Amino acid sequence: MKTNGIGAIGDRIVLENEHVRVWLVELDPGQIQSRHVHELPYLIVPLTDGKNIMRFDDGREVATDEKPGACLWRMPGVPHELENISTWQYRNVLVELKTPAAATPPAP
């Protein structure tokens, strides 16, 4: 799943249907995830503590401090890579949303 220097968003897809694509992401200490870009809005649910650096193609660097079970909402953006700067393996579940938000049902 790599084209034009852009890698996969995660290590493997664990579920996909017409509404969502769910990835498992695992990074060992010091490992850098391949450069990738998110084309869909997505939710990250850390499974472990996360001490990472996101490096964007536009020059920005953003440090992360994630806690297991927290939810992080992100919109599509510029290509970037993720480096695990901790001494432990970082893991998360990343959920891409393929469909627009459902309309609110009418009140009874």
N, C-alpha and C. Protein backbone atom coordinates (compact mmCIF):
# COMPACT_ATOMS: atom_id res chain seq x y z
N MET A 1 0.82 -1.20 0.00
CA MET A 1 0.00 0.00 0.00
C MET A 1 0.86 1.25 0.00
N LYS A 2 1.76 1.36 -0.95
CA LYS A 2 2.66 2.51 -0.98
C LYS A 2 2.71 3.04 -2.40
N THR A 3 2.49 4.36 -2.54
CA THR A 3 2.56 4.98 -3.85
C THR A 3 3.21 6.35 -3.72
N ASN A 4 4.08 6.69 -4.64
CA ASN A 4 4.72 8.00 -4.69
C ASN A 4 5.33 8.42 -3.36
N GLY A 5 6.03 7.52 -2.68
CA GLY A 5 6.67 7.87 -1.42
C GLY A 5 5.72 7.98 -0.25
N ILE A 6 4.47 7.62 -0.44
CA ILE A 6 3.48 7.68 0.63
C ILE A 6 3.22 6.24 1.09
N GLY A 7 3.39 6.01 2.40
CA GLY A 7 3.19 4.68 2.95
C GLY A 7 1.78 4.49 3.49
N ALA A 8 1.57 3.33 4.05
CA ALA A 8 0.27 3.00 4.64
C ALA A 8 0.07 3.78 5.94
N ILE A 9 -1.18 4.00 6.29
CA ILE A 9 -1.56 4.74 7.49
C ILE A 9 -1.29 3.92 8.75
N GLY A 10 -1.35 2.61 8.63
CA GLY A 10 -1.14 1.74 9.78
C GLY A 10 -0.46 0.46 9.37
N ASP A 11 -0.32 -0.44 10.34
CA ASP A 11 0.35 -1.71 10.07
C ASP A 11 -0.56 -2.72 9.39
N ARG A 12 -1.83 -2.73 9.81
CA ARG A 12 -2.77 -3.64 9.15
C ARG A 12 -4.19 -3.17 9.40
N ILE A 13 -5.04 -3.48 8.44
CA ILE A 13 -6.46 -3.18 8.56
C ILE A 13 -7.10 -4.33 9.31
N VAL A 14 -7.83 -4.01 10.39
CA VAL A 14 -8.47 -5.05 11.19
C VAL A 14 -9.97 -5.14 10.93
N LEU A 15 -10.54 -4.11 10.29
CA LEU A 15 -11.96 -4.14 9.89
C LEU A 15 -12.17 -3.07 8.83
N GLU A 16 -12.96 -3.40 7.82
CA GLU A 16 -13.32 -2.41 6.82
C GLU A 16 -14.70 -2.73 6.28
N ASN A 17 -15.51 -1.69 6.17
CA ASN A 17 -16.82 -1.81 5.53
C ASN A 17 -17.09 -0.50 4.80
N GLU A 18 -18.33 -0.27 4.39
CA GLU A 18 -18.64 0.95 3.63
C GLU A 18 -18.60 2.21 4.48
N HIS A 19 -18.55 2.07 5.80
CA HIS A 19 -18.58 3.23 6.70
C HIS A 19 -17.23 3.59 7.30
N VAL A 20 -16.43 2.57 7.65
CA VAL A 20 -15.16 2.81 8.35
C VAL A 20 -14.06 1.89 7.83
N ARG A 21 -12.81 2.33 8.07
CA ARG A 21 -11.64 1.47 7.89
C ARG A 21 -10.87 1.58 9.20
N VAL A 22 -10.60 0.44 9.85
CA VAL A 22 -9.96 0.42 11.16
C VAL A 22 -8.56 -0.19 11.03
N TRP A 23 -7.56 0.57 11.45
CA TRP A 23 -6.15 0.17 11.37
C TRP A 23 -5.61 -0.11 12.77
N LEU A 24 -4.65 -1.01 12.86
CA LEU A 24 -3.83 -1.18 14.05
C LEU A 24 -2.47 -0.56 13.72
N VAL A 25 -1.99 0.29 14.62
CA VAL A 25 -0.68 0.94 14.47
C VAL A 25 0.21 0.48 15.62
N GLU A 26 1.41 0.00 15.30
CA GLU A 26 2.38 -0.43 16.31
C GLU A 26 3.74 0.16 15.95
N LEU A 27 4.35 0.87 16.91
CA LEU A 27 5.68 1.44 16.70
C LEU A 27 6.58 1.07 17.87
N ASP A 28 7.69 0.40 17.58
CA ASP A 28 8.66 0.08 18.61
C ASP A 28 9.43 1.34 19.01
N PRO A 29 10.10 1.32 20.16
CA PRO A 29 10.87 2.49 20.59
C PRO A 29 11.86 2.92 19.50
N GLY A 30 11.85 4.21 19.17
CA GLY A 30 12.75 4.75 18.15
C GLY A 30 12.30 4.53 16.72
N GLN A 31 11.27 3.75 16.51
CA GLN A 31 10.79 3.45 15.16
C GLN A 31 10.06 4.66 14.59
N ILE A 32 10.23 4.87 13.28
CA ILE A 32 9.54 5.95 12.57
C ILE A 32 8.58 5.31 11.57
N GLN A 33 7.31 5.65 11.72
CA GLN A 33 6.28 5.16 10.77
C GLN A 33 6.53 5.83 9.43
N SER A 34 6.31 5.12 8.36
CA SER A 34 6.56 5.68 7.04
C SER A 34 5.70 6.92 6.81
N ARG A 35 6.22 7.80 5.98
CA ARG A 35 5.51 9.03 5.60
C ARG A 35 4.17 8.62 4.99
N HIS A 36 3.11 9.28 5.45
CA HIS A 36 1.76 8.94 4.98
C HIS A 36 0.88 10.18 5.04
N VAL A 37 -0.30 10.07 4.45
CA VAL A 37 -1.25 11.19 4.47
C VAL A 37 -2.65 10.62 4.73
N HIS A 38 -3.40 11.34 5.53
CA HIS A 38 -4.78 10.96 5.81
C HIS A 38 -5.69 11.71 4.86
N GLU A 39 -6.48 10.97 4.10
CA GLU A 39 -7.41 11.57 3.15
C GLU A 39 -8.83 11.60 3.70
N LEU A 40 -9.04 10.99 4.86
CA LEU A 40 -10.36 10.95 5.50
C LEU A 40 -10.23 11.43 6.94
N PRO A 41 -11.31 11.97 7.52
CA PRO A 41 -11.27 12.28 8.94
C PRO A 41 -11.09 10.98 9.73
N TYR A 42 -10.45 11.09 10.90
CA TYR A 42 -10.16 9.86 11.63
C TYR A 42 -10.11 10.09 13.14
N LEU A 43 -10.24 8.99 13.84
CA LEU A 43 -10.22 8.95 15.30
C LEU A 43 -9.08 8.02 15.71
N ILE A 44 -8.29 8.45 16.70
CA ILE A 44 -7.21 7.61 17.23
C ILE A 44 -7.58 7.24 18.66
N VAL A 45 -7.47 5.95 18.98
CA VAL A 45 -7.66 5.47 20.35
C VAL A 45 -6.36 4.80 20.77
N PRO A 46 -5.53 5.46 21.60
CA PRO A 46 -4.28 4.85 22.04
C PRO A 46 -4.55 3.62 22.91
N LEU A 47 -3.77 2.58 22.68
CA LEU A 47 -3.83 1.37 23.50
C LEU A 47 -2.74 1.36 24.56
N THR A 48 -1.72 2.22 24.36
CA THR A 48 -0.61 2.38 25.29
C THR A 48 -0.35 3.86 25.46
N ASP A 49 0.47 4.22 26.45
CA ASP A 49 0.95 5.59 26.52
C ASP A 49 1.68 5.89 25.21
N GLY A 50 1.60 7.13 24.78
CA GLY A 50 2.27 7.52 23.54
C GLY A 50 3.09 8.78 23.73
N LYS A 51 4.39 8.66 23.50
CA LYS A 51 5.30 9.80 23.46
C LYS A 51 5.90 9.78 22.06
N ASN A 52 5.34 10.60 21.19
CA ASN A 52 5.71 10.58 19.78
C ASN A 52 5.97 11.99 19.28
N ILE A 53 6.60 12.06 18.11
CA ILE A 53 6.76 13.32 17.39
C ILE A 53 6.17 13.13 16.01
N MET A 54 5.26 14.02 15.65
CA MET A 54 4.71 14.03 14.29
C MET A 54 5.50 15.08 13.50
N ARG A 55 6.07 14.68 12.37
CA ARG A 55 6.82 15.60 11.51
C ARG A 55 6.07 15.74 10.19
N PHE A 56 5.62 16.97 9.92
CA PHE A 56 4.80 17.26 8.74
C PHE A 56 5.66 17.78 7.59
N ASP A 57 5.19 17.53 6.37
CA ASP A 57 5.90 18.01 5.18
C ASP A 57 5.98 19.53 5.14
N ASP A 58 5.08 20.22 5.84
CA ASP A 58 5.11 21.70 5.84
C ASP A 58 6.10 22.25 6.87
N GLY A 59 6.90 21.36 7.52
CA GLY A 59 7.93 21.80 8.44
C GLY A 59 7.56 21.76 9.91
N ARG A 60 6.28 21.58 10.21
CA ARG A 60 5.86 21.53 11.62
C ARG A 60 6.30 20.23 12.27
N GLU A 61 6.59 20.33 13.57
CA GLU A 61 6.80 19.15 14.41
C GLU A 61 5.89 19.29 15.61
N VAL A 62 5.14 18.24 15.91
CA VAL A 62 4.19 18.26 17.01
C VAL A 62 4.47 17.07 17.92
N ALA A 63 4.74 17.35 19.20
CA ALA A 63 4.92 16.28 20.17
C ALA A 63 3.57 15.80 20.65
N THR A 64 3.45 14.51 20.88
CA THR A 64 2.19 13.96 21.39
C THR A 64 2.44 13.33 22.76
N ASP A 65 1.42 13.36 23.59
CA ASP A 65 1.44 12.73 24.91
C ASP A 65 0.08 12.07 25.08
N GLU A 66 -0.02 10.82 24.67
CA GLU A 66 -1.31 10.13 24.61
C GLU A 66 -1.45 9.14 25.76
N LYS A 67 -2.67 8.95 26.20
CA LYS A 67 -2.99 8.02 27.28
C LYS A 67 -3.94 6.94 26.78
N PRO A 68 -3.79 5.72 27.24
CA PRO A 68 -4.66 4.62 26.80
C PRO A 68 -6.14 4.95 27.02
N GLY A 69 -6.94 4.68 26.01
CA GLY A 69 -8.38 4.87 26.10
C GLY A 69 -8.85 6.27 25.76
N ALA A 70 -7.93 7.24 25.69
CA ALA A 70 -8.32 8.60 25.29
C ALA A 70 -8.68 8.55 23.80
N CYS A 71 -9.45 9.50 23.35
CA CYS A 71 -9.81 9.58 21.93
C CYS A 71 -9.30 10.89 21.36
N LEU A 72 -8.69 10.81 20.20
CA LEU A 72 -8.16 11.99 19.52
C LEU A 72 -8.82 12.09 18.16
N TRP A 73 -9.43 13.23 17.86
CA TRP A 73 -10.09 13.45 16.58
C TRP A 73 -9.16 14.26 15.70
N ARG A 74 -8.99 13.83 14.45
CA ARG A 74 -8.14 14.56 13.52
C ARG A 74 -8.80 14.61 12.15
N MET A 75 -8.55 15.72 11.47
CA MET A 75 -9.05 15.89 10.10
C MET A 75 -7.93 15.54 9.12
N PRO A 76 -8.28 15.28 7.86
CA PRO A 76 -7.25 15.01 6.86
C PRO A 76 -6.26 16.17 6.81
N GLY A 77 -5.07 15.89 6.35
CA GLY A 77 -4.07 16.96 6.34
C GLY A 77 -2.91 16.68 5.42
N VAL A 78 -1.77 17.28 5.76
CA VAL A 78 -0.58 17.16 4.93
C VAL A 78 0.18 15.88 5.29
N PRO A 79 1.00 15.38 4.36
CA PRO A 79 1.79 14.19 4.66
C PRO A 79 2.67 14.41 5.89
N HIS A 80 2.88 13.31 6.62
CA HIS A 80 3.71 13.38 7.82
C HIS A 80 4.22 11.99 8.17
N GLU A 81 5.15 11.95 9.13
CA GLU A 81 5.63 10.70 9.68
C GLU A 81 5.49 10.79 11.19
N LEU A 82 5.53 9.64 11.85
CA LEU A 82 5.37 9.57 13.30
C LEU A 82 6.55 8.79 13.87
N GLU A 83 7.24 9.38 14.86
CA GLU A 83 8.37 8.71 15.51
C GLU A 83 8.03 8.45 16.97
N ASN A 84 8.23 7.21 17.39
CA ASN A 84 8.04 6.83 18.79
C ASN A 84 9.33 7.20 19.54
N ILE A 85 9.25 8.22 20.42
CA ILE A 85 10.44 8.66 21.15
C ILE A 85 10.47 8.10 22.57
N SER A 86 9.61 7.14 22.86
CA SER A 86 9.57 6.52 24.19
C SER A 86 10.48 5.30 24.25
N THR A 87 10.49 4.65 25.40
CA THR A 87 11.27 3.42 25.58
C THR A 87 10.37 2.18 25.54
N TRP A 88 9.12 2.33 25.12
CA TRP A 88 8.18 1.22 25.05
C TRP A 88 7.48 1.23 23.69
N GLN A 89 6.85 0.10 23.37
CA GLN A 89 6.09 0.03 22.13
C GLN A 89 4.83 0.88 22.25
N TYR A 90 4.56 1.67 21.22
CA TYR A 90 3.33 2.47 21.13
C TYR A 90 2.37 1.73 20.22
N ARG A 91 1.09 1.65 20.68
CA ARG A 91 0.05 1.00 19.88
C ARG A 91 -1.20 1.86 19.91
N ASN A 92 -1.90 1.91 18.79
CA ASN A 92 -3.21 2.56 18.76
C ASN A 92 -4.11 1.89 17.74
N VAL A 93 -5.39 2.21 17.85
CA VAL A 93 -6.39 1.84 16.86
C VAL A 93 -6.79 3.15 16.18
N LEU A 94 -6.73 3.16 14.86
CA LEU A 94 -7.05 4.35 14.09
C LEU A 94 -8.27 4.03 13.24
N VAL A 95 -9.31 4.84 13.36
CA VAL A 95 -10.57 4.61 12.66
C VAL A 95 -10.80 5.73 11.65
N GLU A 96 -10.76 5.39 10.36
CA GLU A 96 -11.06 6.36 9.30
C GLU A 96 -12.57 6.33 9.04
N LEU A 97 -13.18 7.50 8.93
CA LEU A 97 -14.61 7.59 8.64
C LEU A 97 -14.81 7.80 7.15
N LYS A 98 -15.47 6.85 6.50
CA LYS A 98 -15.67 6.89 5.06
C LYS A 98 -16.97 7.58 4.65
N THR A 99 -17.93 7.68 5.56
CA THR A 99 -19.23 8.25 5.23
C THR A 99 -19.46 9.53 6.03
N PRO A 100 -20.25 10.46 5.48
CA PRO A 100 -20.55 11.67 6.24
C PRO A 100 -21.35 11.35 7.49
N ALA A 101 -21.30 12.26 8.45
CA ALA A 101 -22.04 12.05 9.70
C ALA A 101 -23.51 11.79 9.40
N ALA A 102 -24.08 10.87 10.14
CA ALA A 102 -25.49 10.54 9.95
C ALA A 102 -26.36 11.72 10.40
N ALA A 103 -27.46 11.89 9.72
CA ALA A 103 -28.39 12.96 10.09
C ALA A 103 -29.02 12.62 11.43
N THR A 104 -29.31 13.63 12.21
CA THR A 104 -29.96 13.43 13.50
C THR A 104 -31.40 13.00 13.25
N PRO A 105 -31.82 11.90 13.86
CA PRO A 105 -33.21 11.46 13.63
C PRO A 105 -34.20 12.47 14.25
N PRO A 106 -35.37 12.58 13.66
CA PRO A 106 -36.36 13.51 14.19
C PRO A 106 -36.81 13.06 15.60
N ALA A 107 -37.15 14.05 16.41
CA ALA A 107 -37.65 13.77 17.75
C ALA A 107 -39.00 13.06 17.66
N PRO A 108 -39.27 12.11 18.57
CA PRO A 108 -40.55 11.38 18.52
C PRO A 108 -41.73 12.28 18.83
